[in-house]
Amino acid sequence: MGSDARSVVRIALIGNLDEARAGDARDIIIKMISTSTPARIDLDLSGIDSIDSSALRSLVACHQLANIAGIRVTIVDASPAVRKSIWACGLSGLLLGERLKGML
């Protein structure tokens, strides 16, 4: 009996997620998508002090790329600043896990 079980990868980021660091975060997520093809990538952004629009664009791009590959990218933990920015941009339905949607 075969198993189609794939892993769940958790990526935790800390500090400021701005234009200078957005590309690094995107590269880490894309590497996970392309090399390990997990079933899901859980992003822990609870250690992020601030996030800007370039980082949000990178997260959306990663979400779209992962979706094409059949992988789900979800923010499972986020600082208040991240939750506020995602909500303000109308991205909560796309990026936030169910637990965080209830915290908005």
Protein backbone atom coordinates (compact mmCIF):
# COMPACT_ATOMS: atom_id res chain seq x y z
CA MET A 1 0.00 0.00 0.00
CA GLY A 2 1.57 3.29 -1.13
CA SER A 3 1.49 6.53 0.74
CA ASP A 4 1.01 9.94 -0.80
CA ALA A 5 1.88 11.69 2.46
CA ARG A 6 4.03 14.76 1.97
CA SER A 7 5.66 16.85 4.62
CA VAL A 8 4.71 20.15 6.14
CA VAL A 9 7.52 22.70 6.21
CA ARG A 10 7.47 25.51 8.74
CA ILE A 11 9.47 28.65 7.98
CA ALA A 12 9.93 31.26 10.72
CA LEU A 13 11.08 34.75 9.83
CA ILE A 14 12.12 37.51 12.24
CA GLY A 15 12.90 41.23 12.13
CA ASN A 16 11.63 43.62 9.49
CA LEU A 17 10.28 42.16 6.27
CA ASP A 18 10.90 45.02 3.87
CA GLU A 19 12.18 45.57 0.35
CA ALA A 20 15.73 44.70 1.41
CA ARG A 21 14.68 41.30 2.83
CA ALA A 22 11.63 40.41 0.74
CA GLY A 23 13.73 38.78 -1.96
CA ASP A 24 15.54 36.59 0.57
CA ALA A 25 12.24 35.42 2.07
CA ARG A 26 10.86 34.75 -1.42
CA ASP A 27 13.98 32.76 -2.36
CA ILE A 28 13.70 30.58 0.77
CA ILE A 29 10.05 29.79 0.08
CA ILE A 30 10.65 29.12 -3.63
CA LYS A 31 13.54 26.80 -2.76
CA MET A 32 11.19 24.79 -0.53
CA ILE A 33 8.58 24.67 -3.28
CA SER A 34 11.03 23.51 -5.93
CA THR A 35 13.25 21.13 -3.97
CA SER A 36 11.16 19.42 -1.32
CA THR A 37 7.61 19.83 -2.73
CA PRO A 38 5.88 19.61 0.64
CA ALA A 39 2.11 19.39 0.92
CA ARG A 40 2.07 22.66 2.83
CA ILE A 41 4.38 25.48 3.84
CA ASP A 42 3.45 27.14 7.12
CA LEU A 43 4.88 30.62 7.60
CA ASP A 44 5.51 31.83 11.13
CA LEU A 45 5.71 35.62 10.98
CA SER A 46 5.19 36.18 14.70
CA GLY A 47 8.74 37.56 14.92
CA ILE A 48 8.21 40.16 12.18
CA ASP A 49 8.22 43.72 13.52
CA SER A 50 7.04 45.34 10.28
CA ILE A 51 6.16 44.30 6.75
CA ASP A 52 5.97 46.44 3.62
CA SER A 53 4.25 46.15 0.25
CA SER A 54 7.24 44.55 -1.47
CA ALA A 55 7.21 41.73 1.08
CA LEU A 56 3.46 41.31 0.68
CA ARG A 57 3.93 41.09 -3.12
CA SER A 58 6.59 38.42 -2.58
CA LEU A 59 4.26 36.42 -0.34
CA VAL A 60 1.45 36.61 -2.90
CA ALA A 61 3.84 35.53 -5.67
CA CYS A 62 5.00 32.57 -3.56
CA HIS A 63 1.40 31.66 -2.82
CA GLN A 64 0.58 31.66 -6.54
CA LEU A 65 3.66 29.63 -7.49
CA ALA A 66 2.97 27.12 -4.74
CA ASN A 67 -0.65 26.84 -5.82
CA ILE A 68 0.47 25.89 -9.34
CA ALA A 69 2.67 23.18 -7.80
CA GLY A 70 -0.19 21.89 -5.63
CA ILE A 71 1.35 23.24 -2.43
CA ARG A 72 -0.47 25.39 0.09
CA VAL A 73 1.37 28.38 1.60
CA THR A 74 -0.30 29.73 4.73
CA ILE A 75 0.66 32.20 7.42
CA VAL A 76 -0.03 30.26 10.61
CA ASP A 77 1.31 32.77 13.11
CA ALA A 78 1.82 36.51 12.70
CA SER A 79 2.63 39.58 14.73
CA PRO A 80 -0.08 42.23 15.12
CA ALA A 81 1.75 44.43 12.57
CA VAL A 82 1.67 41.65 9.97
CA ARG A 83 -2.00 40.85 10.62
CA LYS A 84 -2.91 44.54 10.31
CA SER A 85 -1.03 44.96 7.02
CA ILE A 86 -2.48 41.81 5.50
CA TRP A 87 -5.99 42.82 6.54
CA ALA A 88 -5.53 46.39 5.22
CA CYS A 89 -4.44 45.04 1.82
CA GLY A 90 -7.36 42.60 1.61
CA LEU A 91 -5.09 39.55 1.62
CA SER A 92 -6.38 37.80 4.74
CA GLY A 93 -8.48 35.31 2.77
CA LEU A 94 -5.54 34.42 0.58
CA LEU A 95 -2.67 34.22 3.04
CA LEU A 96 -3.90 33.71 6.61
CA GLY A 97 -4.63 30.39 8.22
CA GLU A 98 -8.04 29.86 9.81
CA ARG A 99 -6.84 30.57 13.36
CA LEU A 100 -5.46 33.96 12.37
CA LYS A 101 -8.56 34.95 10.38
CA GLY A 102 -10.49 34.76 13.64
CA MET A 103 -8.04 37.19 15.27
CA LEU A 104 -8.68 40.07 12.86
